[in-house]
Amino acid sequence: MMKLGNPLRRLILSAPLILFTVWSVLAGPAQAQELRIATSYKLMTLDPHYANLNENTSLLSHIYERLVYQDEHLDLRPELAVSWRAVSDTQWEFKLRDNVRFHDGSPFTADDVVYTIERIRDVLKPPSGGFRSYLTGIKSVSARDPLTVVIDTDGNLPNLPLSLSSIFVMHRPAQGFQTTEELNTGRPVGTGPYMFESWSSGETLRLSRNDGYWGGRPAWSAVTFRVIESPAARVAALATGDVDVADAIPARDVASLKNRGVRIASIGAARVNFLQFDVGRDTLPGVTGKSGEPIPNPFKDPSVRRALAMAIDRGILVEKILSGYGTAAAQVFPAGLPGTSATLKPEAPNYDDAKALLAKAGFPNGFNVVLAGPAGRYPGDAESLQAIAQSWARIGVSVRPVASPFSVFNTQRAAGDYALWYGGSSGETVNVILDALLASPNPGRGTGALNFGHYRNETFDAMLAKAESMQDGPERNKALAAATEFVMADQPIIPLYHFHHIVGYGPRIASYVMHPRGWTTAMQALAATE
């Protein structure tokens, strides 16, 4: 099997929580009943292929499963596929798990995998289809027999199993392809450990145990997710015992929760939080001169972007806002992971040089800008906006921070209402984030899904594509690092920090398995014995 992320393995094993595999927590005490989880994740849809968002991946993983699972060490291991192999440079073969049934009792077969890939690749259209990039290069998919899937590719796809670790498998209907609307108003059927009961968008998701689950009897008879976007409200629900688990705990609340007997699990995140510029439009909303007059888009100038990057104190963000539960960022993954650069390091702020660079770019007195971001989605998100505003005031840039609930922020960002914003991105590997966030939007290649800033650089695109054509190993990692160094020098985003995922859990939980991707699931909670 493919092995990934040895440096991350060391990071994970250094966490205070002893890590078990996810499967080890499926089988819990027979008396375990309902698990109550307060989550920051607002499930956007019941369609597992509509949007590539962590909340959908996390919550829908109870219902649906993948061919390949990326575990808490970022290693690949069997899920619905028991094995896989590259037959040639242009063909892969996946052997499927036998005796697996969907929640409606129908058997899982290769036809379901064919349907899933065809639905994502050929049927879903923007704004859906956020997973299409994972299937780029697939020429055809077929069922050789009920338990064998053959995938032919246009060229060498050395990381196809990794790509498929992000794809949930759906059941093929009697005819046609299910629409998002049908899934949202119906009863989704998967092969996962829990079955769908009810969903109220933005409020609750209720699940029940799948007693026929192939991986063993799940620990909890029922699971209820309560969507609580306010961090303070999530903390309060956990502290008072209203819920058993709460995710995205603010670092500032860890000490008080521990004093109340709540146990804490944390792990470094395989992700980055950043500021992203709109570099495409000639004028931007919320950007004016110091006297309020409209000005051309200043972010088209790399030196302006660089000046703003130089005027951010990442140390304050990590130590004060994250209370040490994070690391300063200079690239999209924490240094040391495969594909990262050893030469890119976070810089201390240099306000004098930043101000001089801004003046050289034609803004000796700075300008005004609205800095947008979500409130309560990421640790320290709204507070980071305030801290950055204070830092940029030192070089003459007047910032009006605007923090909104993520659902509002996400809609307005996609609509082009922002000129500059705070965001976050996670992925299986470095190139997944680079493809989504910084590669030129290209439906054919499936790149640019998160490139809301309209950044385009043909040299970077070519460097990234070349790296992705290589087999896993040192040369591929070296090429990805070189592409990262090149694009970071152009500063289309400002990496801020890699925060730590923090989860709190109460007395009904014996232990909680952390995942660096930040997922929150019932499968990670081991029930305490009574």
Protein backbone atom coordinates (compact mmCIF):
# COMPACT_ATOMS: atom_id res chain seq x y z
CA MET A 1 0.00 0.00 0.00
CA MET A 2 1.04 3.58 -0.54
CA LYS A 3 2.60 5.26 2.49
CA LEU A 4 2.33 8.95 3.12
CA GLY A 5 3.43 11.58 5.58
CA ASN A 6 6.10 10.13 7.86
CA PRO A 7 6.87 13.60 9.29
CA LEU A 8 3.19 13.99 10.06
CA ARG A 9 3.23 10.59 11.74
CA ARG A 10 5.84 11.95 14.16
CA LEU A 11 3.67 15.03 14.74
CA ILE A 12 0.63 12.91 15.45
CA LEU A 13 2.38 10.50 17.78
CA SER A 14 3.65 13.43 19.82
CA ALA A 15 0.09 14.52 20.59
CA PRO A 16 -1.10 13.95 24.14
CA LEU A 17 -3.83 11.58 23.01
CA ILE A 18 -2.86 7.98 22.34
CA LEU A 19 -4.13 7.31 18.84
CA PHE A 20 -6.05 4.23 17.85
CA THR A 21 -7.22 3.40 14.35
CA VAL A 22 -10.70 4.60 13.57
CA TRP A 23 -11.97 1.06 13.23
CA SER A 24 -10.96 0.22 16.78
CA VAL A 25 -13.56 2.62 18.14
CA LEU A 26 -16.46 1.25 16.12
CA ALA A 27 -17.02 -1.61 18.52
CA GLY A 28 -18.06 -0.06 21.82
CA PRO A 29 -19.90 -1.29 24.89
CA ALA A 30 -23.28 -2.80 24.15
CA GLN A 31 -24.97 -0.29 26.44
CA ALA A 32 -23.73 2.79 24.52
CA GLN A 33 -26.76 4.83 23.46
CA GLU A 34 -27.07 8.22 21.81
CA LEU A 35 -23.95 10.24 21.15
CA ARG A 36 -24.51 14.01 21.20
CA ILE A 37 -22.05 16.15 19.27
CA ALA A 38 -21.88 19.94 19.06
CA THR A 39 -20.21 20.80 15.79
CA SER A 40 -19.14 23.97 14.07
CA TYR A 41 -19.80 22.23 10.77
CA LYS A 42 -23.01 23.25 9.05
CA LEU A 43 -23.94 20.51 6.61
CA MET A 44 -24.61 22.21 3.30
CA THR A 45 -26.20 19.32 1.42
CA LEU A 46 -26.93 15.59 1.53
CA ASP A 47 -25.34 15.21 -1.90
CA PRO A 48 -21.87 13.76 -1.23
CA HIS A 49 -20.57 15.07 -4.56
CA TYR A 50 -21.96 18.61 -4.54
CA ALA A 51 -19.30 20.58 -2.68
CA ASN A 52 -15.79 19.73 -1.54
CA LEU A 53 -16.15 21.18 1.95
CA ASN A 54 -14.87 19.71 5.20
CA GLU A 55 -18.30 19.86 6.84
CA ASN A 56 -19.82 17.69 4.12
CA THR A 57 -16.91 15.25 4.18
CA SER A 58 -16.97 14.98 7.96
CA LEU A 59 -20.69 14.51 8.50
CA LEU A 60 -21.53 12.49 5.40
CA SER A 61 -18.75 9.99 6.20
CA HIS A 62 -21.21 8.39 8.63
CA ILE A 63 -23.52 7.51 5.74
CA TYR A 64 -21.19 7.05 2.78
CA GLU A 65 -17.79 5.41 2.38
CA ARG A 66 -14.86 5.60 -0.01
CA LEU A 67 -12.91 2.94 -1.87
CA VAL A 68 -9.79 4.01 0.00
CA TYR A 69 -9.53 5.68 3.38
CA GLN A 70 -6.79 8.10 4.44
CA ASP A 71 -6.23 7.36 8.11
CA GLU A 72 -5.04 9.55 10.97
CA HIS A 73 -1.43 9.08 9.80
CA LEU A 74 -2.44 10.12 6.25
CA ASP A 75 -1.66 6.58 5.11
CA LEU A 76 -4.01 4.87 2.66
CA ARG A 77 -5.83 1.76 3.74
CA PRO A 78 -8.69 -0.36 2.42
CA GLU A 79 -12.29 0.68 2.91
CA LEU A 80 -14.73 -0.45 0.19
CA ALA A 81 -11.76 -1.59 -1.90
CA VAL A 82 -9.64 -4.34 -0.34
CA SER A 83 -6.72 -3.86 -2.74
CA TRP A 84 -5.59 -1.88 -5.76
CA ARG A 85 -2.78 -2.03 -8.28
CA ALA A 86 -1.49 -0.23 -11.34
CA VAL A 87 -1.83 -2.74 -14.17
CA SER A 88 0.02 -0.37 -16.50
CA ASP A 89 0.81 3.33 -16.80
CA THR A 90 -2.75 3.88 -18.05
CA GLN A 91 -4.81 1.35 -16.11
CA TRP A 92 -5.71 0.69 -12.48
CA GLU A 93 -7.55 -2.26 -10.98
CA PHE A 94 -9.51 -2.12 -7.72
CA LYS A 95 -10.77 -5.25 -5.95
CA LEU A 96 -13.89 -4.58 -3.89
CA ARG A 97 -14.99 -5.83 -0.51
CA ASP A 98 -17.46 -8.69 -0.62
CA ASN A 99 -20.70 -8.97 1.36
CA VAL A 100 -21.18 -5.21 1.77
CA ARG A 101 -24.73 -3.91 1.64
CA PHE A 102 -26.26 -0.49 1.33
CA HIS A 103 -28.65 0.72 4.01
CA ASP A 104 -31.62 -0.39 1.88
CA GLY A 105 -30.30 -3.95 1.82
CA SER A 106 -29.03 -3.97 -1.77
CA PRO A 107 -25.52 -5.34 -2.41
CA PHE A 108 -22.56 -3.09 -3.10
CA THR A 109 -20.96 -3.89 -6.46
CA ALA A 110 -18.60 -2.48 -9.04
CA ASP A 111 -21.56 -0.90 -10.86
CA ASP A 112 -21.97 1.50 -7.93
CA VAL A 113 -18.37 2.65 -8.32
CA VAL A 114 -18.87 3.15 -12.06
CA TYR A 115 -22.01 5.17 -11.37
CA THR A 116 -20.24 7.32 -8.77
CA ILE A 117 -17.36 8.25 -11.04
CA GLU A 118 -19.60 8.91 -14.03
CA ARG A 119 -21.93 11.08 -11.95
CA ILE A 120 -19.10 13.31 -10.76
CA ARG A 121 -17.21 13.40 -14.04
CA ASP A 122 -20.03 13.68 -16.55
CA VAL A 123 -23.24 14.82 -14.87
CA LEU A 124 -22.66 17.38 -12.13
CA LYS A 125 -22.23 20.93 -13.37
CA PRO A 126 -21.03 24.13 -11.63
CA PRO A 127 -21.57 25.33 -8.99
CA SER A 128 -21.64 21.67 -7.97
CA GLY A 129 -18.99 19.21 -9.08
CA GLY A 130 -16.37 20.20 -6.51
CA PHE A 131 -14.86 16.72 -6.69
CA ARG A 132 -14.30 16.65 -10.44
CA SER A 133 -10.64 17.59 -10.04
CA TYR A 134 -9.99 14.28 -8.29
CA LEU A 135 -11.08 12.41 -11.42
CA THR A 136 -9.11 14.41 -13.95
CA GLY A 137 -7.37 12.09 -16.40
CA ILE A 138 -9.83 9.20 -16.10
CA LYS A 139 -10.68 8.02 -19.61
CA SER A 140 -13.15 5.29 -18.71
CA VAL A 141 -14.33 3.18 -15.80
CA SER A 142 -15.85 -0.28 -16.08
CA ALA A 143 -16.96 -3.27 -14.02
CA ARG A 144 -14.96 -6.34 -15.02
CA ASP A 145 -17.04 -8.38 -12.61
CA PRO A 146 -19.20 -7.52 -9.57
CA LEU A 147 -16.13 -7.06 -7.35
CA THR A 148 -13.57 -5.65 -9.81
CA VAL A 149 -13.37 -2.08 -11.11
CA VAL A 150 -11.03 -1.18 -13.96
CA ILE A 151 -10.11 2.46 -14.52
CA ASP A 152 -8.38 3.47 -17.76
CA THR A 153 -6.59 6.82 -17.80
CA ASP A 154 -5.38 9.24 -20.44
CA GLY A 155 -1.89 9.06 -18.98
CA ASN A 156 0.03 8.06 -15.90
CA LEU A 157 -1.99 8.85 -12.74
CA PRO A 158 0.34 7.68 -9.98
CA ASN A 159 -1.88 9.06 -7.21
CA LEU A 160 -5.26 7.79 -8.34
CA PRO A 161 -5.87 5.78 -5.13
CA LEU A 162 -5.20 8.92 -3.10
CA SER A 163 -7.64 10.88 -5.26
CA LEU A 164 -10.32 8.25 -4.76
CA SER A 165 -9.88 8.53 -0.99
CA SER A 166 -11.90 11.76 -1.31
CA ILE A 167 -14.81 10.25 -3.26
CA PHE A 168 -17.88 8.85 -1.49
CA VAL A 169 -19.48 5.90 -3.29
CA MET A 170 -23.21 6.19 -4.06
CA HIS A 171 -25.71 3.46 -4.90
CA ARG A 172 -26.66 3.23 -8.57
CA PRO A 173 -30.41 3.93 -8.92
CA ALA A 174 -32.66 1.92 -11.21
CA GLN A 175 -32.26 4.52 -13.91
CA GLY A 176 -30.57 7.84 -14.60
CA PHE A 177 -28.57 9.93 -12.17
CA GLN A 178 -29.83 11.33 -8.89
CA THR A 179 -29.96 15.10 -8.67
CA THR A 180 -28.85 17.16 -5.71
CA GLU A 181 -32.45 18.22 -5.16
CA GLU A 182 -33.60 14.60 -4.98
CA LEU A 183 -30.92 13.75 -2.44
CA ASN A 184 -31.67 16.78 -0.29
CA THR A 185 -35.36 15.96 -0.10
CA GLY A 186 -35.05 12.18 0.10
CA ARG A 187 -33.29 9.60 2.21
CA PRO A 188 -29.61 9.17 1.29
CA VAL A 189 -28.42 5.57 1.20
CA GLY A 190 -24.83 4.54 1.73
CA THR A 191 -22.79 1.66 3.12
CA GLY A 192 -21.50 3.51 6.19
CA PRO A 193 -21.75 2.64 9.89
CA TYR A 194 -24.71 4.97 10.50
CA MET A 195 -27.96 5.48 8.63
CA PHE A 196 -29.72 8.73 7.87
CA GLU A 197 -32.75 9.59 10.01
CA SER A 198 -33.37 13.33 9.60
CA TRP A 199 -31.70 16.58 8.71
CA SER A 200 -32.59 20.18 9.41
CA SER A 201 -30.16 22.38 7.52
CA GLY A 202 -28.10 24.51 9.86
CA GLU A 203 -29.57 22.85 12.95
CA THR A 204 -29.34 19.07 13.34
CA LEU A 205 -28.37 15.82 11.66
CA ARG A 206 -29.76 12.62 13.22
CA LEU A 207 -28.36 9.18 12.51
CA SER A 208 -29.05 5.65 13.67
CA ARG A 209 -26.79 2.63 13.96
CA ASN A 210 -26.32 0.36 10.93
CA ASP A 211 -26.49 -3.02 12.66
CA GLY A 212 -25.54 -4.75 9.41
CA TYR A 213 -22.36 -2.76 8.93
CA TRP A 214 -19.56 -4.81 7.37
CA GLY A 215 -16.94 -3.35 9.74
CA GLY A 216 -18.64 -4.49 12.94
CA ARG A 217 -21.45 -3.18 15.08
CA PRO A 218 -21.05 0.60 15.58
CA ALA A 219 -20.58 1.83 19.13
CA TRP A 220 -23.56 4.19 19.35
CA SER A 221 -27.21 3.35 18.83
CA ALA A 222 -27.90 6.88 17.62
CA VAL A 223 -25.92 10.02 16.86
CA THR A 224 -27.19 13.59 16.92
CA PHE A 225 -25.15 16.46 15.55
CA ARG A 226 -26.18 19.89 16.76
CA VAL A 227 -24.86 22.68 14.56
CA ILE A 228 -23.61 25.39 16.94
CA GLU A 229 -21.63 27.94 14.97
CA SER A 230 -20.83 30.10 18.01
CA PRO A 231 -17.64 28.84 19.74
CA ALA A 232 -18.85 30.17 23.10
CA ALA A 233 -22.12 28.29 22.75
CA ARG A 234 -20.32 25.06 21.85
CA VAL A 235 -18.08 25.41 24.89
CA ALA A 236 -21.08 26.08 27.12
CA ALA A 237 -22.95 23.05 25.79
CA LEU A 238 -19.96 20.84 26.56
CA ALA A 239 -19.28 22.35 29.97
CA THR A 240 -22.87 21.82 31.11
CA GLY A 241 -23.08 18.26 29.78
CA ASP A 242 -25.66 19.04 27.11
CA VAL A 243 -23.38 17.35 24.58
CA ASP A 244 -20.73 14.65 24.82
CA VAL A 245 -18.32 16.05 22.23
CA ALA A 246 -17.65 19.55 20.93
CA ASP A 247 -15.30 20.37 18.08
CA ALA A 248 -13.32 23.51 17.17
CA ILE A 249 -12.76 24.47 20.80
CA PRO A 250 -11.08 27.88 21.07
CA ALA A 251 -7.64 27.56 22.63
CA ARG A 252 -8.51 30.26 25.16
CA ASP A 253 -11.20 27.99 26.62
CA VAL A 254 -9.04 24.87 27.08
CA ALA A 255 -7.90 25.65 30.63
CA SER A 256 -11.37 26.43 31.95
CA LEU A 257 -12.83 23.29 30.38
CA LYS A 258 -10.10 21.15 31.91
CA ASN A 259 -10.91 22.66 35.30
CA ARG A 260 -14.48 21.44 34.85
CA GLY A 261 -13.35 17.89 34.12
CA VAL A 262 -13.60 18.05 30.34
CA ARG A 263 -10.86 16.17 28.54
CA ILE A 264 -9.10 17.72 25.57
CA ALA A 265 -7.62 16.15 22.44
CA SER A 266 -5.61 18.15 19.91
CA ILE A 267 -3.53 17.59 16.80
CA GLY A 268 -1.71 19.72 14.22
CA ALA A 269 -3.86 20.37 11.16
CA ALA A 270 -2.95 19.29 7.65
CA ARG A 271 -4.19 22.61 6.35
CA VAL A 272 -3.45 26.32 6.09
CA ASN A 273 -5.33 29.49 6.97
CA PHE A 274 -4.50 32.46 4.80
CA LEU A 275 -5.47 35.78 3.29
CA GLN A 276 -6.47 35.70 -0.37
CA PHE A 277 -6.42 38.65 -2.78
CA ASP A 278 -8.70 39.29 -5.73
CA VAL A 279 -6.08 39.96 -8.39
CA GLY A 280 -8.38 39.67 -11.39
CA ARG A 281 -10.74 42.64 -11.42
CA ASP A 282 -9.75 46.20 -12.28
CA THR A 283 -11.66 47.70 -9.36
CA LEU A 284 -12.78 46.08 -6.15
CA PRO A 285 -15.59 46.51 -3.62
CA GLY A 286 -14.44 47.95 -0.33
CA VAL A 287 -11.10 49.29 -1.63
CA THR A 288 -10.67 53.07 -1.79
CA GLY A 289 -8.06 55.75 -1.41
CA LYS A 290 -7.50 57.37 1.99
CA SER A 291 -10.12 60.02 1.28
CA GLY A 292 -12.65 57.44 0.13
CA GLU A 293 -12.23 57.84 -3.62
CA PRO A 294 -12.27 54.77 -5.92
CA ILE A 295 -8.84 53.46 -6.91
CA PRO A 296 -7.60 50.76 -9.31
CA ASN A 297 -7.14 47.32 -7.82
CA PRO A 298 -3.92 47.61 -5.76
CA PHE A 299 -3.60 43.83 -5.39
CA LYS A 300 -2.66 43.39 -9.04
CA ASP A 301 0.78 44.63 -8.00
CA PRO A 302 2.84 41.82 -6.39
CA SER A 303 4.81 44.39 -4.41
CA VAL A 304 1.60 45.54 -2.66
CA ARG A 305 0.80 41.95 -1.78
CA ARG A 306 4.35 41.46 -0.54
CA ALA A 307 4.22 44.61 1.58
CA LEU A 308 1.04 43.45 3.29
CA ALA A 309 2.61 40.04 3.95
CA MET A 310 5.63 41.72 5.55
CA ALA A 311 3.34 43.70 7.88
CA ILE A 312 1.71 40.73 9.61
CA ASP A 313 2.88 39.49 13.00
CA ARG A 314 2.23 35.76 12.81
CA GLY A 315 3.75 35.31 16.25
CA ILE A 316 0.90 37.27 17.82
CA LEU A 317 -1.64 35.25 15.87
CA VAL A 318 -0.21 31.93 17.08
CA GLU A 319 0.77 32.79 20.64
CA LYS A 320 -1.93 35.24 21.64
CA ILE A 321 -4.95 34.30 19.56
CA LEU A 322 -4.33 30.55 19.24
CA SER A 323 -2.73 30.32 22.70
CA GLY A 324 0.10 28.32 21.19
CA TYR A 325 -2.22 25.77 19.54
CA GLY A 326 -0.79 26.40 16.08
CA THR A 327 2.34 27.14 14.04
CA ALA A 328 3.15 30.15 11.85
CA ALA A 329 2.85 29.43 8.13
CA ALA A 330 4.93 30.23 5.07
CA GLN A 331 3.36 27.65 2.74
CA VAL A 332 0.25 25.50 2.45
CA PHE A 333 1.32 22.56 4.67
CA PRO A 334 3.42 22.53 7.82
CA ALA A 335 7.13 22.31 6.96
CA GLY A 336 8.52 18.80 6.88
CA LEU A 337 5.56 17.12 5.23
CA PRO A 338 6.01 15.59 1.76
CA GLY A 339 6.09 18.25 -0.96
CA THR A 340 6.85 21.17 1.35
CA SER A 341 9.82 23.50 0.98
CA ALA A 342 12.64 23.50 3.50
CA THR A 343 13.62 27.06 2.52
CA LEU A 344 10.27 28.78 3.09
CA LYS A 345 10.08 29.97 6.67
CA PRO A 346 7.72 32.41 8.43
CA GLU A 347 9.18 35.89 8.65
CA ALA A 348 9.02 38.33 11.51
CA PRO A 349 7.13 41.53 10.65
CA ASN A 350 9.14 44.36 9.11
CA TYR A 351 6.93 47.43 9.13
CA ASP A 352 9.54 49.90 7.88
CA ASP A 353 10.41 47.87 4.79
CA ALA A 354 6.73 47.11 4.19
CA LYS A 355 5.84 50.80 4.29
CA ALA A 356 8.70 51.63 1.94
CA LEU A 357 7.61 48.94 -0.50
CA LEU A 358 4.05 50.22 -0.37
CA ALA A 359 5.24 53.75 -1.10
CA LYS A 360 7.30 52.51 -4.05
CA ALA A 361 4.15 50.86 -5.41
CA GLY A 362 2.38 54.23 -5.37
CA PHE A 363 0.69 54.14 -1.97
CA PRO A 364 2.83 56.21 0.37
CA ASN A 365 -0.19 56.88 2.57
CA GLY A 366 -1.75 53.44 2.16
CA PHE A 367 -5.40 52.88 1.27
CA ASN A 368 -8.68 51.65 2.76
CA VAL A 369 -9.86 48.07 2.51
CA VAL A 370 -12.56 45.77 3.87
CA LEU A 371 -11.09 42.52 5.20
CA ALA A 372 -13.75 39.80 5.23
CA GLY A 373 -13.80 36.44 6.92
CA PRO A 374 -15.95 33.84 8.66
CA ALA A 375 -16.79 34.04 12.35
CA GLY A 376 -16.49 30.85 14.37
CA ARG A 377 -15.56 28.47 11.56
CA TYR A 378 -11.83 28.35 12.29
CA PRO A 379 -9.96 28.84 15.56
CA GLY A 380 -9.16 32.52 15.95
CA ASP A 381 -10.74 33.60 12.67
CA ALA A 382 -12.55 36.78 13.72
CA GLU A 383 -9.78 37.70 16.20
CA SER A 384 -7.19 37.28 13.45
CA LEU A 385 -8.99 39.86 11.33
CA GLN A 386 -8.73 42.37 14.17
CA ALA A 387 -5.03 41.65 14.78
CA ILE A 388 -4.18 41.99 11.09
CA ALA A 389 -6.07 45.28 10.93
CA GLN A 390 -3.94 46.61 13.78
CA SER A 391 -0.72 45.48 12.10
CA TRP A 392 -1.61 47.02 8.74
CA ALA A 393 -2.52 50.33 10.36
CA ARG A 394 1.20 50.69 11.08
CA ILE A 395 1.92 50.97 7.34
CA GLY A 396 -1.04 53.23 6.56
CA VAL A 397 -3.56 50.63 5.40
CA SER A 398 -6.90 51.24 7.09
CA VAL A 399 -8.82 47.99 7.50
CA ARG A 400 -12.47 47.45 8.30
CA PRO A 401 -12.79 43.82 9.47
CA VAL A 402 -16.09 42.14 8.60
CA ALA A 403 -16.73 38.71 10.13
CA SER A 404 -19.89 36.80 9.16
CA PRO A 405 -21.30 33.31 9.72
CA PHE A 406 -19.58 30.97 7.30
CA SER A 407 -22.71 30.32 5.25
CA VAL A 408 -23.06 34.07 4.63
CA PHE A 409 -19.35 34.57 4.05
CA ASN A 410 -19.09 31.65 1.63
CA THR A 411 -22.03 32.88 -0.46
CA GLN A 412 -20.77 36.45 -0.64
CA ARG A 413 -17.20 35.39 -1.44
CA ALA A 414 -18.43 33.25 -4.34
CA ALA A 415 -20.55 36.19 -5.54
CA GLY A 416 -17.48 38.46 -5.71
CA ASP A 417 -18.53 40.76 -2.88
CA TYR A 418 -15.06 40.79 -1.34
CA ALA A 419 -11.70 42.14 -2.41
CA LEU A 420 -9.63 40.48 0.30
CA TRP A 421 -10.57 37.74 2.70
CA TYR A 422 -9.45 35.24 5.29
CA GLY A 423 -9.93 31.60 4.37
CA GLY A 424 -8.81 28.08 5.06
CA SER A 425 -8.01 25.03 2.98
CA SER A 426 -7.14 21.43 3.72
CA GLY A 427 -6.26 18.51 1.51
CA GLU A 428 -4.75 15.09 1.31
CA THR A 429 -1.42 16.40 0.02
CA VAL A 430 0.32 19.66 -0.86
CA ASN A 431 -0.63 19.50 -4.53
CA VAL A 432 -4.33 19.11 -3.73
CA ILE A 433 -4.35 22.52 -2.04
CA LEU A 434 -2.13 24.09 -4.70
CA ASP A 435 -4.45 22.79 -7.41
CA ALA A 436 -7.59 24.10 -5.75
CA LEU A 437 -6.32 27.38 -4.34
CA LEU A 438 -3.63 28.71 -6.68
CA ALA A 439 -3.74 26.90 -10.01
CA SER A 440 -5.53 28.68 -12.85
CA PRO A 441 -9.22 27.77 -13.05
CA ASN A 442 -9.43 25.02 -15.65
CA PRO A 443 -12.54 22.81 -15.82
CA GLY A 444 -10.69 20.33 -18.02
CA ARG A 445 -7.97 19.77 -15.42
CA GLY A 446 -10.32 20.31 -12.51
CA THR A 447 -8.15 23.06 -11.01
CA GLY A 448 -8.97 26.37 -9.35
CA ALA A 449 -12.02 25.30 -7.35
CA LEU A 450 -10.98 27.63 -4.49
CA ASN A 451 -9.20 30.20 -6.63
CA PHE A 452 -11.72 32.92 -5.86
CA GLY A 453 -8.95 35.47 -6.35
CA HIS A 454 -8.70 34.72 -10.09
CA TYR A 455 -4.94 34.21 -9.88
CA ARG A 456 -3.29 32.92 -13.06
CA ASN A 457 0.34 32.08 -13.64
CA GLU A 458 1.17 29.81 -16.58
CA THR A 459 4.69 29.05 -15.32
CA PHE A 460 3.36 27.89 -11.97
CA ASP A 461 0.64 25.83 -13.66
CA ALA A 462 3.27 24.06 -15.76
CA MET A 463 5.52 23.41 -12.75
CA LEU A 464 2.63 21.97 -10.77
CA ALA A 465 1.41 19.78 -13.64
CA LYS A 466 4.92 18.40 -14.15
CA ALA A 467 5.25 17.56 -10.45
CA GLU A 468 1.89 15.81 -10.45
CA SER A 469 2.91 13.62 -13.38
CA MET A 470 5.72 12.08 -11.32
CA GLN A 471 5.56 8.95 -9.22
CA ASP A 472 5.51 9.35 -5.47
CA GLY A 473 8.95 9.84 -4.06
CA PRO A 474 11.76 12.36 -3.51
CA GLU A 475 11.74 13.77 -7.03
CA ARG A 476 8.02 14.48 -6.95
CA ASN A 477 8.35 16.10 -3.52
CA LYS A 478 11.27 18.21 -4.77
CA ALA A 479 9.24 19.38 -7.77
CA LEU A 480 6.24 20.27 -5.59
CA ALA A 481 8.52 22.22 -3.24
CA ALA A 482 9.96 24.15 -6.20
CA ALA A 483 6.47 24.99 -7.47
CA THR A 484 5.51 26.13 -3.96
CA GLU A 485 8.57 28.37 -3.67
CA PHE A 486 7.83 29.92 -7.06
CA VAL A 487 4.21 30.75 -6.36
CA MET A 488 4.81 31.96 -2.80
CA ALA A 489 7.30 34.49 -4.16
CA ASP A 490 4.43 35.98 -6.18
CA GLN A 491 2.28 36.20 -3.01
CA PRO A 492 -1.22 35.50 -4.39
CA ILE A 493 -2.10 34.50 -0.83
CA ILE A 494 -0.57 35.26 2.55
CA PRO A 495 -0.19 32.06 4.59
CA LEU A 496 -0.95 32.85 8.24
CA TYR A 497 -0.86 29.71 10.36
CA HIS A 498 -1.53 26.01 10.65
CA PHE A 499 -3.86 25.76 13.61
CA HIS A 500 -4.31 22.74 15.83
CA HIS A 501 -7.63 20.92 15.87
CA ILE A 502 -8.99 20.91 19.42
CA VAL A 503 -11.88 18.72 20.56
CA GLY A 504 -13.38 18.44 24.03
CA TYR A 505 -15.24 15.41 25.32
CA GLY A 506 -17.17 14.50 28.44
CA PRO A 507 -17.39 11.52 30.82
CA ARG A 508 -19.40 9.27 28.48
CA ILE A 509 -16.38 9.18 26.14
CA ALA A 510 -13.36 7.02 27.03
CA SER A 511 -11.11 8.53 24.35
CA TYR A 512 -11.34 10.49 21.15
CA VAL A 513 -9.26 9.83 18.04
CA MET A 514 -8.01 13.00 16.38
CA HIS A 515 -7.64 13.23 12.60
CA PRO A 516 -5.33 15.86 11.05
CA ARG A 517 -7.95 16.60 8.39
CA GLY A 518 -10.20 17.96 11.15
CA TRP A 519 -13.09 15.56 10.74
CA THR A 520 -15.59 15.16 13.57
CA THR A 521 -17.30 11.79 13.58
CA ALA A 522 -18.99 9.34 15.93
CA MET A 523 -16.46 6.73 14.77
CA GLN A 524 -13.71 8.66 16.53
CA ALA A 525 -15.42 8.46 19.93
CA LEU A 526 -14.82 5.38 22.07
CA ALA A 527 -17.65 4.90 24.55
CA ALA A 528 -16.76 4.72 28.23
CA THR A 529 -17.72 1.55 30.08
CA GLU A 530 -20.23 1.88 32.87
